[in-house]
Amino acid sequence: MDFNVKKLACDAGVFFTRAVQFTEEKLGQAEKTELDPHLENLITRADCTKNWTEKILRQTEVLLQPNPIDHTGARIEEFIYDKLEKKLPSRTTNAELLGQYMVDAANEFGSGTPYGSTLITVGEYQKRLGTAEREFLQTSATTFLTPLRNFLEGDWRTISKERRILENRRLDLDICKARLKKAKQAEVKAAAAPDFQETRPRNYVLSASASALLSEEVDKAEHELRVAQTEFDRQAEVTRLLLEGISSTHLNHQRCLQDFAEAQATYYAQCHHYMHELQRELSRCANSVSTPHQSAACPNPVSAAFPSGPSSPGTVVPTSLSNKPKTLAMEQTQLPITGTRKAKVLYDYDAHDSSELSLLADELITVYTVPGMDPDWLVGERGNEKGKVPVTYLELLS
């Protein structure tokens, strides 16, 4: 293998000289060129951006992938697929896996049994939750994690490289300043030496020759200083332009934050919707099992206390309600009040049909029950509005 010995020795000498200059600066034995205040502020701002971006990225990865082992494995797999320029396959989420286990267990116990049918119902909703989670993870990785990672692995590496070059240019500049200072001091010292012109002419000739050499050394040091100053100024300008681009990075990350928050809102809204629907399904199934006169299948989402159509052959309908019209609205029904009391609404609730009453969290309403009504529901009143409300959304007051 061929080596350029001269270049290698030159680079080693430059490195050693810079190291000496840096050490002397730290020990307070050498002067240091200070950067422009604006450039210093940009560097401080860039360092802050880099540090907090790393922390936010790591914590977001922990949030999206809580298990450290799975998280490490996922990052390695993602890195490999990225290098191969292939799309990372979607992974099965824990909720999807749980749902599949429940469905398999139901098939083992018998899907027609009460326990089996309940397992299937819960399992299917767990699968829906898992699908929503997977979509949320994919969206967050694309719209939030990837831009942050691109900044750290792309733009920041470029900035760091240019900053290292700038630091080397500054060290070279200070070395040239120190060299020029020493050359001028030597020249002044030589000029102040005794004149041996009359007594020793030969010494005078030697002194004049030394003065010429010192003057030449000063001129060389001044030229090197001008070159070093030019290179330092040029590199400082390049670094400044790159650091000013941090403002664009902040704007980009701001948009990424908005996308991340929107993805979270969508995901949690889906979870709330699925869990609310699951509660309704389980409530209907439990009510059909606890009422032997009703059919074994889960009833229609509308409660049996407020039928909207003709009853099935195996269903017993109270006489007081069997003659009502098919589309009976709650506000048109005169129901006997049994135990009227106040209730505080715990969560917002959107009515699914005209027989229900929409609720707002923290409001107070009047509630009561009616004979034959589903125990998981009450009749709620707010002024002139009236409709069914779920008990789980209420805090009954004495």
Protein backbone atom coordinates (compact mmCIF):
# COMPACT_ATOMS: atom_id res chain seq x y z
CA MET A 1 0.00 0.00 0.00
CA ASP A 2 1.41 3.39 -1.02
CA PHE A 3 1.64 6.17 1.51
CA ASN A 4 2.32 9.82 0.89
CA VAL A 5 4.86 10.21 3.68
CA LYS A 6 5.26 13.93 3.15
CA LYS A 7 1.52 14.57 3.36
CA LEU A 8 1.20 12.26 6.35
CA ALA A 9 3.97 14.11 8.18
CA CYS A 10 2.40 17.45 7.28
CA ASP A 11 -1.02 16.39 8.57
CA ALA A 12 0.53 15.06 11.75
CA GLY A 13 2.36 18.34 12.26
CA VAL A 14 -0.84 20.35 11.74
CA PHE A 15 -2.72 18.11 14.16
CA PHE A 16 0.01 18.45 16.78
CA THR A 17 0.15 22.24 16.37
CA ARG A 18 -3.62 22.52 16.76
CA ALA A 19 -3.53 20.30 19.83
CA VAL A 20 -0.86 22.50 21.41
CA GLN A 21 -2.87 25.64 20.63
CA PHE A 22 -6.07 24.12 22.05
CA THR A 23 -4.27 23.02 25.23
CA GLU A 24 -2.69 26.43 25.76
CA GLU A 25 -6.08 28.08 25.32
CA LYS A 26 -7.58 25.82 27.95
CA LEU A 27 -4.71 26.63 30.31
CA GLY A 28 -5.07 30.35 29.66
CA GLN A 29 -1.63 30.61 28.09
CA ALA A 30 -2.80 31.58 24.59
CA GLU A 31 -5.31 34.03 23.14
CA LYS A 32 -8.46 32.72 21.54
CA THR A 33 -10.40 34.32 18.71
CA GLU A 34 -14.00 34.76 19.79
CA LEU A 35 -16.78 34.02 17.33
CA ASP A 36 -19.36 36.57 16.29
CA PRO A 37 -22.11 36.87 18.98
CA HIS A 38 -24.80 36.09 16.40
CA LEU A 39 -22.93 32.95 15.36
CA GLU A 40 -22.50 31.94 19.01
CA ASN A 41 -26.25 32.30 19.57
CA LEU A 42 -26.96 30.19 16.49
CA ILE A 43 -24.61 27.47 17.75
CA THR A 44 -26.26 27.46 21.19
CA ARG A 45 -29.71 27.27 19.60
CA ALA A 46 -28.63 24.43 17.30
CA ASP A 47 -27.17 22.42 20.19
CA CYS A 48 -30.40 22.88 22.14
CA THR A 49 -32.44 21.75 19.14
CA LYS A 50 -30.29 18.65 18.67
CA ASN A 51 -30.37 17.63 22.34
CA TRP A 52 -34.14 18.00 22.75
CA THR A 53 -34.85 16.36 19.40
CA GLU A 54 -32.91 13.31 20.56
CA LYS A 55 -34.82 13.18 23.85
CA ILE A 56 -38.23 13.63 22.19
CA LEU A 57 -37.39 10.99 19.58
CA ARG A 58 -36.28 8.42 22.15
CA GLN A 59 -39.28 9.01 24.42
CA THR A 60 -41.73 8.86 21.52
CA GLU A 61 -40.22 5.53 20.48
CA VAL A 62 -40.68 4.30 24.05
CA LEU A 63 -44.29 5.53 24.01
CA LEU A 64 -45.08 3.76 20.75
CA GLN A 65 -43.06 0.63 21.60
CA PRO A 66 -42.99 0.33 25.41
CA ASN A 67 -41.18 -3.03 25.64
CA PRO A 68 -37.40 -2.31 25.52
CA ILE A 69 -36.60 -5.71 24.02
CA ASP A 70 -39.22 -5.40 21.30
CA HIS A 71 -38.16 -1.79 20.79
CA THR A 72 -34.53 -2.78 20.19
CA GLY A 73 -35.52 -5.60 17.88
CA ALA A 74 -37.89 -3.33 15.98
CA ARG A 75 -35.16 -0.71 15.46
CA ILE A 76 -32.70 -3.30 14.16
CA GLU A 77 -35.32 -4.73 11.81
CA GLU A 78 -36.25 -1.25 10.64
CA PHE A 79 -32.58 -0.42 10.01
CA ILE A 80 -32.06 -3.59 7.95
CA TYR A 81 -35.15 -3.03 5.80
CA ASP A 82 -34.15 0.61 5.32
CA LYS A 83 -30.69 -0.39 4.07
CA LEU A 84 -32.24 -2.98 1.74
CA GLU A 85 -34.66 -0.28 0.51
CA LYS A 86 -37.62 -2.53 1.24
CA LYS A 87 -40.88 -1.73 2.98
CA LEU A 88 -41.05 -2.86 6.59
CA PRO A 89 -43.86 -5.44 7.01
CA SER A 90 -46.58 -4.50 9.46
CA ARG A 91 -46.39 -6.34 12.77
CA THR A 92 -49.28 -7.93 14.65
CA THR A 93 -50.11 -5.81 17.68
CA ASN A 94 -50.65 -7.22 21.15
CA ALA A 95 -54.35 -6.37 21.02
CA GLU A 96 -54.77 -8.23 17.71
CA LEU A 97 -52.96 -11.24 19.16
CA LEU A 98 -55.18 -11.15 22.27
CA GLY A 99 -58.28 -10.97 20.11
CA GLN A 100 -57.17 -13.96 18.06
CA TYR A 101 -56.53 -15.96 21.24
CA MET A 102 -60.05 -15.14 22.44
CA VAL A 103 -61.60 -16.24 19.14
CA ASP A 104 -59.60 -19.47 19.16
CA ALA A 105 -60.65 -20.13 22.75
CA ALA A 106 -64.29 -19.54 21.81
CA ASN A 107 -64.04 -22.10 19.02
CA GLU A 108 -62.59 -24.54 21.54
CA PHE A 109 -65.30 -23.98 24.16
CA GLY A 110 -68.09 -23.68 21.61
CA SER A 111 -69.12 -20.47 19.90
CA GLY A 112 -72.78 -21.17 20.71
CA THR A 113 -72.23 -21.13 24.47
CA PRO A 114 -72.65 -17.87 26.43
CA TYR A 115 -68.96 -17.82 27.33
CA GLY A 116 -67.90 -18.64 23.78
CA SER A 117 -70.09 -15.97 22.22
CA THR A 118 -68.82 -13.38 24.71
CA LEU A 119 -65.22 -14.34 23.93
CA ILE A 120 -65.90 -13.88 20.23
CA THR A 121 -67.50 -10.49 20.82
CA VAL A 122 -64.64 -9.19 22.98
CA GLY A 123 -62.03 -10.79 20.72
CA GLU A 124 -63.36 -9.10 17.60
CA TYR A 125 -63.29 -5.70 19.28
CA GLN A 126 -59.76 -6.37 20.53
CA LYS A 127 -58.77 -7.01 16.93
CA ARG A 128 -60.31 -3.71 15.93
CA LEU A 129 -58.37 -1.95 18.69
CA GLY A 130 -55.19 -3.66 17.50
CA THR A 131 -55.80 -2.60 13.92
CA ALA A 132 -56.34 1.01 15.03
CA GLU A 133 -53.13 0.83 17.08
CA ARG A 134 -51.14 -0.52 14.13
CA GLU A 135 -52.42 2.27 11.89
CA PHE A 136 -51.52 4.81 14.58
CA LEU A 137 -47.98 3.42 14.90
CA GLN A 138 -47.44 3.48 11.15
CA THR A 139 -48.77 7.02 10.80
CA SER A 140 -46.70 8.29 13.73
CA ALA A 141 -43.54 6.68 12.39
CA THR A 142 -44.05 8.24 8.98
CA THR A 143 -45.19 11.73 9.95
CA PHE A 144 -43.26 12.27 13.20
CA LEU A 145 -40.41 9.87 13.95
CA THR A 146 -38.94 9.80 10.45
CA PRO A 147 -38.55 13.61 10.11
CA LEU A 148 -36.88 13.84 13.53
CA ARG A 149 -34.54 10.98 12.69
CA ASN A 150 -33.74 12.49 9.30
CA PHE A 151 -32.71 15.73 10.97
CA LEU A 152 -30.37 13.99 13.42
CA GLU A 153 -28.87 11.64 10.82
CA GLY A 154 -28.76 14.13 7.95
CA ASP A 155 -28.82 17.88 8.59
CA TRP A 156 -27.19 17.67 12.01
CA ARG A 157 -24.28 15.57 10.73
CA THR A 158 -23.62 18.19 8.06
CA ILE A 159 -23.77 20.98 10.64
CA SER A 160 -21.44 19.10 12.98
CA LYS A 161 -18.94 18.51 10.18
CA GLU A 162 -18.87 22.19 9.20
CA ARG A 163 -18.56 23.22 12.84
CA ARG A 164 -15.50 20.98 13.26
CA ILE A 165 -13.95 22.57 10.17
CA LEU A 166 -14.71 26.01 11.60
CA GLU A 167 -13.01 25.10 14.87
CA ASN A 168 -9.94 23.92 12.99
CA ARG A 169 -9.90 27.15 10.97
CA ARG A 170 -10.09 29.14 14.19
CA LEU A 171 -7.19 27.20 15.70
CA ASP A 172 -5.14 27.78 12.53
CA LEU A 173 -5.98 31.48 12.70
CA ASP A 174 -4.87 31.75 16.33
CA ILE A 175 -1.68 29.80 15.55
CA CYS A 176 -0.89 32.30 12.79
CA LYS A 177 -1.59 35.19 15.16
CA ALA A 178 0.73 33.73 17.77
CA ARG A 179 3.42 33.07 15.14
CA LEU A 180 3.22 36.64 13.85
CA LYS A 181 3.37 38.00 17.37
CA LYS A 182 6.52 36.02 18.13
CA ALA A 183 8.12 37.08 14.83
CA LYS A 184 7.47 40.75 15.53
CA GLN A 185 8.82 40.43 19.07
CA ALA A 186 12.00 38.84 17.72
CA GLU A 187 12.34 41.61 15.14
CA VAL A 188 11.93 44.33 17.75
CA LYS A 189 14.42 42.61 20.04
CA ALA A 190 16.97 42.36 17.22
CA ALA A 191 16.48 46.02 16.33
CA ALA A 192 17.13 47.04 19.93
CA ALA A 193 20.47 45.11 20.13
CA PRO A 194 23.81 47.17 20.39
CA ASP A 195 25.25 48.41 17.11
CA PHE A 196 28.68 46.89 16.45
CA GLN A 197 29.26 48.90 13.30
CA GLU A 198 32.33 50.82 14.51
CA THR A 199 34.05 48.21 16.66
CA ARG A 200 33.18 44.99 14.91
CA PRO A 201 32.14 45.42 11.27
CA ARG A 202 31.81 41.67 10.77
CA ASN A 203 29.22 41.42 13.58
CA TYR A 204 27.31 44.25 11.98
CA VAL A 205 27.05 42.34 8.74
CA LEU A 206 25.78 39.31 10.62
CA SER A 207 23.28 41.47 12.49
CA ALA A 208 21.96 43.00 9.26
CA SER A 209 21.57 39.54 7.75
CA ALA A 210 19.65 38.35 10.83
CA SER A 211 17.39 41.41 10.68
CA ALA A 212 16.60 40.66 7.04
CA LEU A 213 15.70 37.10 7.94
CA LEU A 214 13.49 38.26 10.78
CA SER A 215 11.80 40.79 8.51
CA GLU A 216 11.21 38.06 5.96
CA GLU A 217 9.78 35.85 8.72
CA VAL A 218 7.38 38.63 9.72
CA ASP A 219 6.21 39.07 6.14
CA LYS A 220 5.64 35.33 5.81
CA ALA A 221 3.69 35.23 9.08
CA GLU A 222 1.54 38.16 7.96
CA HIS A 223 0.76 36.41 4.67
CA GLU A 224 -0.18 33.19 6.46
CA LEU A 225 -2.37 35.19 8.83
CA ARG A 226 -4.25 36.82 5.93
CA VAL A 227 -4.84 33.43 4.32
CA ALA A 228 -5.98 31.91 7.63
CA GLN A 229 -8.29 34.85 8.28
CA THR A 230 -9.86 34.50 4.82
CA GLU A 231 -10.45 30.77 5.27
CA PHE A 232 -11.87 31.32 8.74
CA ASP A 233 -14.29 34.02 7.52
CA ARG A 234 -15.42 31.85 4.62
CA GLN A 235 -16.04 28.85 6.88
CA ALA A 236 -17.82 31.00 9.45
CA GLU A 237 -20.21 32.19 6.73
CA VAL A 238 -20.90 28.60 5.57
CA THR A 239 -21.56 27.50 9.16
CA ARG A 240 -23.78 30.50 9.81
CA LEU A 241 -25.98 29.73 6.80
CA LEU A 242 -26.39 26.13 7.90
CA LEU A 243 -27.24 27.12 11.47
CA GLU A 244 -29.81 29.64 10.32
CA GLY A 245 -31.58 26.72 8.63
CA ILE A 246 -32.53 25.49 12.12
CA SER A 247 -35.50 27.88 11.92
CA SER A 248 -36.83 25.90 8.95
CA THR A 249 -36.24 22.72 10.95
CA HIS A 250 -38.39 24.09 13.78
CA LEU A 251 -41.21 24.87 11.34
CA ASN A 252 -41.01 21.38 9.88
CA HIS A 253 -41.05 19.77 13.32
CA GLN A 254 -44.00 21.96 14.26
CA ARG A 255 -46.01 20.54 11.36
CA CYS A 256 -44.89 17.05 12.38
CA LEU A 257 -46.17 17.68 15.91
CA GLN A 258 -49.55 18.67 14.54
CA ASP A 259 -49.70 15.50 12.44
CA PHE A 260 -48.70 13.41 15.46
CA ALA A 261 -51.38 14.99 17.66
CA GLU A 262 -53.99 14.44 14.93
CA ALA A 263 -52.98 10.78 14.64
CA GLN A 264 -53.27 10.40 18.42
CA ALA A 265 -56.70 12.05 18.47
CA THR A 266 -57.93 9.75 15.70
CA TYR A 267 -56.56 6.67 17.46
CA TYR A 268 -58.06 7.49 20.86
CA ALA A 269 -61.39 8.42 19.27
CA GLN A 270 -61.46 5.02 17.57
CA CYS A 271 -60.61 3.31 20.86
CA HIS A 272 -63.37 5.19 22.66
CA HIS A 273 -65.87 4.30 19.95
CA TYR A 274 -64.93 0.61 19.92
CA MET A 275 -65.01 0.29 23.69
CA HIS A 276 -68.35 2.05 23.92
CA GLU A 277 -69.78 -0.26 21.28
CA LEU A 278 -68.31 -3.26 23.11
CA GLN A 279 -69.97 -2.17 26.34
CA ARG A 280 -73.28 -1.90 24.54
CA GLU A 281 -72.86 -5.34 23.00
CA LEU A 282 -71.96 -6.94 26.33
CA SER A 283 -74.81 -5.15 28.06
CA ARG A 284 -77.33 -6.40 25.50
CA CYS A 285 -75.97 -9.94 25.67
CA ALA A 286 -76.02 -9.95 29.47
CA ASN A 287 -79.60 -8.65 29.47
CA SER A 288 -80.75 -11.34 27.03
CA VAL A 289 -79.16 -14.06 29.18
CA SER A 290 -80.63 -12.72 32.44
CA THR A 291 -84.17 -12.48 30.93
CA PRO A 292 -85.36 -16.06 30.21
CA HIS A 293 -88.45 -14.89 28.35
CA GLN A 294 -86.32 -13.27 25.65
CA SER A 295 -84.56 -15.06 22.84
CA ALA A 296 -81.06 -16.37 23.44
CA ALA A 297 -79.50 -14.10 20.83
CA CYS A 298 -78.33 -10.61 21.75
CA PRO A 299 -81.18 -8.10 21.22
CA ASN A 300 -81.23 -5.14 18.88
CA PRO A 301 -79.15 -2.15 20.06
CA VAL A 302 -82.41 -0.35 20.96
CA SER A 303 -83.40 -1.46 24.46
CA ALA A 304 -86.32 -3.86 24.88
CA ALA A 305 -87.97 -1.24 27.09
CA PHE A 306 -88.45 0.91 23.97
CA PRO A 307 -89.32 -1.49 21.09
CA SER A 308 -89.30 -0.01 17.61
CA GLY A 309 -90.98 -2.88 15.80
CA PRO A 310 -93.19 -5.94 16.27
CA SER A 311 -91.95 -8.43 18.81
CA SER A 312 -90.59 -11.83 17.79
CA PRO A 313 -92.70 -14.91 18.51
CA GLY A 314 -90.60 -15.87 21.51
CA THR A 315 -90.50 -12.42 23.06
CA VAL A 316 -92.93 -11.28 25.73
CA VAL A 317 -93.84 -7.61 25.41
CA PRO A 318 -95.55 -5.74 28.26
CA THR A 319 -99.20 -4.98 27.51
CA SER A 320 -98.71 -1.29 28.25
CA LEU A 321 -96.09 -1.05 25.48
CA SER A 322 -97.28 -3.60 22.89
CA ASN A 323 -99.89 -1.26 21.36
CA LYS A 324 -97.44 1.65 20.80
CA PRO A 325 -96.56 2.76 17.26
CA LYS A 326 -93.52 1.23 15.59
CA THR A 327 -91.49 4.48 15.55
CA LEU A 328 -92.15 5.70 19.05
CA ALA A 329 -90.04 8.71 20.11
CA MET A 330 -89.13 9.06 23.77
CA GLU A 331 -90.41 12.59 24.10
CA GLN A 332 -93.84 11.42 22.97
CA THR A 333 -94.09 8.59 25.52
CA GLN A 334 -95.70 9.19 28.92
CA LEU A 335 -93.82 6.91 31.31
CA PRO A 336 -94.57 6.52 35.01
CA ILE A 337 -91.90 7.96 37.24
CA THR A 338 -90.45 5.65 39.89
CA GLY A 339 -87.79 7.21 42.13
CA THR A 340 -86.84 10.51 40.48
CA ARG A 341 -83.37 11.75 41.47
CA LYS A 342 -80.52 13.93 40.29
CA ALA A 343 -77.44 12.58 38.51
CA LYS A 344 -74.12 14.07 37.43
CA VAL A 345 -72.87 13.20 33.95
CA LEU A 346 -69.34 11.74 34.01
CA TYR A 347 -68.58 11.61 30.27
CA ASP A 348 -69.92 13.03 27.03
CA TYR A 349 -72.41 10.77 25.28
CA ASP A 350 -73.87 11.09 21.78
CA ALA A 351 -77.39 9.73 21.31
CA HIS A 352 -77.60 6.95 18.73
CA ASP A 353 -81.29 7.49 17.94
CA SER A 354 -84.26 9.63 18.91
CA SER A 355 -85.03 7.50 21.96
CA GLU A 356 -81.75 8.47 23.65
CA LEU A 357 -80.58 11.71 25.22
CA SER A 358 -77.20 13.22 24.45
CA LEU A 359 -75.10 14.14 27.49
CA LEU A 360 -72.37 16.60 28.32
CA ALA A 361 -69.77 15.88 31.00
CA ASP A 362 -70.34 17.54 34.43
CA GLU A 363 -73.95 18.58 33.74
CA LEU A 364 -76.79 17.69 36.15
CA ILE A 365 -79.90 15.93 34.89
CA THR A 366 -82.97 14.29 36.40
CA VAL A 367 -83.19 10.51 36.01
CA TYR A 368 -85.71 7.79 36.82
CA THR A 369 -86.62 4.30 35.70
CA VAL A 370 -89.76 2.67 34.34
CA PRO A 371 -91.16 -0.85 34.74
CA GLY A 372 -89.60 -3.42 32.43
CA MET A 373 -86.70 -1.13 31.48
CA ASP A 374 -83.17 -2.42 30.90
CA PRO A 375 -81.34 -2.02 34.26
CA ASP A 376 -78.30 -0.55 32.45
CA TRP A 377 -80.37 2.41 31.27
CA LEU A 378 -82.37 5.21 32.90
CA VAL A 379 -84.70 7.87 31.60
CA GLY A 380 -83.01 11.27 31.71
CA GLU A 381 -84.57 14.73 31.59
CA ARG A 382 -82.98 18.06 30.85
CA GLY A 383 -85.58 20.82 30.65
CA ASN A 384 -87.99 19.82 27.89
CA GLU A 385 -85.64 17.13 26.54
CA LYS A 386 -86.04 13.53 27.59
CA GLY A 387 -84.49 10.22 26.55
CA LYS A 388 -82.64 7.10 27.60
CA VAL A 389 -79.18 7.47 29.13
CA PRO A 390 -76.63 4.76 30.06
CA VAL A 391 -76.10 4.26 33.79
CA THR A 392 -72.33 3.89 33.36
CA TYR A 393 -72.12 7.52 32.25
CA LEU A 394 -73.80 8.83 35.41
CA GLU A 395 -73.02 9.45 39.05
CA LEU A 396 -76.30 9.18 40.95
CA LEU A 397 -76.71 11.85 43.64
CA SER A 398 -78.68 11.42 46.84
